[in-house]
Amino acid sequence: MTNWFITYSETKRAIGDYFAASEALLHLHAGLLIFFLGSLLFRRRMRSWVPIGLVYVFAFANELADLFTPDKHFGLLAPLVDVANTVFWPSLLFLLARRRILKA
């Protein structure tokens, strides 16, 4: 199981290196990509709980995977910042899509 976490971590690093993107930027793009793909693949509107739920599940699963990666050393704040970077824009789009529902 540990090999999977190392492979996952190395793949994320390689993607970041290939696109010359920081980890924070990768989190931002991943969150938006998961949100849009979740909406398209499950044929749900962006105001549905399914796409935003997927973003949160993937964000927390990614941080759990990082905890099991031996070369990752961080304090309590780094995982929270990573989750915030991943969910911020999808959450804003979700709330914007639901604003009509919230007014009713």
Protein backbone atom coordinates (compact mmCIF):
# COMPACT_ATOMS: atom_id res chain seq x y z
CA MET A 1 0.00 0.00 0.00
CA THR A 2 2.87 2.37 0.75
CA ASN A 3 4.15 1.99 -2.81
CA TRP A 4 0.85 3.39 -4.09
CA PHE A 5 1.24 6.52 -1.95
CA ILE A 6 4.81 7.04 -3.16
CA THR A 7 3.76 6.56 -6.79
CA TYR A 8 0.84 8.97 -6.31
CA SER A 9 3.13 11.59 -4.76
CA GLU A 10 5.74 11.21 -7.51
CA THR A 11 3.03 11.51 -10.19
CA LYS A 12 1.72 14.74 -8.65
CA ARG A 13 5.26 16.12 -8.50
CA ALA A 14 5.90 15.13 -12.14
CA ILE A 15 2.70 16.85 -13.29
CA GLY A 16 3.70 19.98 -11.39
CA ASP A 17 7.18 19.90 -12.91
CA TYR A 18 5.86 19.30 -16.43
CA PHE A 19 3.47 22.26 -16.27
CA ALA A 20 5.83 24.38 -14.14
CA ALA A 21 2.99 24.75 -11.64
CA SER A 22 3.20 25.16 -7.90
CA GLU A 23 1.39 22.74 -5.62
CA ALA A 24 -1.15 25.45 -4.75
CA LEU A 25 -1.94 26.00 -8.43
CA LEU A 26 -2.34 22.25 -8.96
CA HIS A 27 -4.84 22.14 -6.08
CA LEU A 28 -6.81 24.99 -7.62
CA HIS A 29 -6.95 23.34 -11.04
CA ALA A 30 -7.72 19.91 -9.61
CA GLY A 31 -10.65 21.27 -7.60
CA LEU A 32 -12.19 23.00 -10.62
CA LEU A 33 -11.58 19.99 -12.87
CA ILE A 34 -13.20 17.59 -10.40
CA PHE A 35 -16.16 19.96 -9.98
CA PHE A 36 -16.79 20.31 -13.71
CA LEU A 37 -16.15 16.64 -14.55
CA GLY A 38 -18.36 15.54 -11.66
CA SER A 39 -21.14 17.71 -13.00
CA LEU A 40 -20.72 16.40 -16.54
CA LEU A 41 -20.16 12.71 -15.78
CA PHE A 42 -23.02 12.42 -13.28
CA ARG A 43 -25.24 14.71 -15.36
CA ARG A 44 -25.90 17.00 -12.45
CA ARG A 45 -26.16 20.76 -12.38
CA MET A 46 -23.49 22.70 -10.55
CA ARG A 47 -26.02 23.46 -7.83
CA SER A 48 -26.24 19.75 -7.03
CA TRP A 49 -24.45 18.40 -3.97
CA VAL A 50 -22.81 15.66 -6.05
CA PRO A 51 -20.08 17.69 -7.84
CA ILE A 52 -19.15 19.75 -4.78
CA GLY A 53 -19.22 16.63 -2.63
CA LEU A 54 -16.74 14.99 -4.98
CA VAL A 55 -14.41 17.98 -4.68
CA TYR A 56 -14.43 17.76 -0.88
CA VAL A 57 -13.97 13.96 -0.90
CA PHE A 58 -11.02 14.20 -3.28
CA ALA A 59 -9.49 17.11 -1.35
CA PHE A 60 -9.54 15.23 1.94
CA ALA A 61 -8.50 11.93 0.31
CA ASN A 62 -5.51 13.69 -1.24
CA GLU A 63 -4.46 15.03 2.15
CA LEU A 64 -4.84 11.57 3.71
CA ALA A 65 -2.63 10.16 0.94
CA ASP A 66 -0.07 12.88 1.69
CA LEU A 67 -0.04 11.81 5.35
CA PHE A 68 1.11 8.33 4.30
CA THR A 69 3.85 9.62 2.01
CA PRO A 70 7.18 9.27 3.81
CA ASP A 71 8.88 12.27 2.20
CA LYS A 72 6.08 14.71 3.10
CA HIS A 73 6.78 16.76 6.20
CA PHE A 74 4.32 19.43 7.16
CA GLY A 75 2.54 20.84 10.16
CA LEU A 76 -1.15 21.24 10.79
CA LEU A 77 -1.56 24.34 8.63
CA ALA A 78 -0.28 22.94 5.29
CA PRO A 79 -3.05 20.35 4.80
CA LEU A 80 -5.71 22.94 5.69
CA VAL A 81 -4.27 25.37 3.14
CA ASP A 82 -4.21 22.59 0.52
CA VAL A 83 -7.87 21.74 1.18
CA ALA A 84 -8.81 25.43 1.07
CA ASN A 85 -6.98 25.86 -2.26
CA THR A 86 -8.82 22.87 -3.68
CA VAL A 87 -12.35 23.70 -2.55
CA PHE A 88 -12.47 27.52 -2.62
CA TRP A 89 -13.50 28.23 -6.24
CA PRO A 90 -15.72 25.16 -6.66
CA SER A 91 -17.51 26.13 -3.43
CA LEU A 92 -17.99 29.68 -4.69
CA LEU A 93 -19.38 28.42 -8.01
CA PHE A 94 -21.65 25.98 -6.15
CA LEU A 95 -23.04 28.78 -3.95
CA LEU A 96 -23.50 31.03 -6.97
CA ALA A 97 -25.41 28.27 -8.77
CA ARG A 98 -27.60 27.78 -5.68
CA ARG A 99 -28.31 31.46 -5.03
CA ARG A 100 -31.77 31.22 -6.61
CA ILE A 101 -32.60 28.24 -4.46
CA LEU A 102 -31.32 30.03 -1.36
CA LYS A 103 -33.55 33.06 -2.02
CA ALA A 104 -36.69 30.93 -2.24
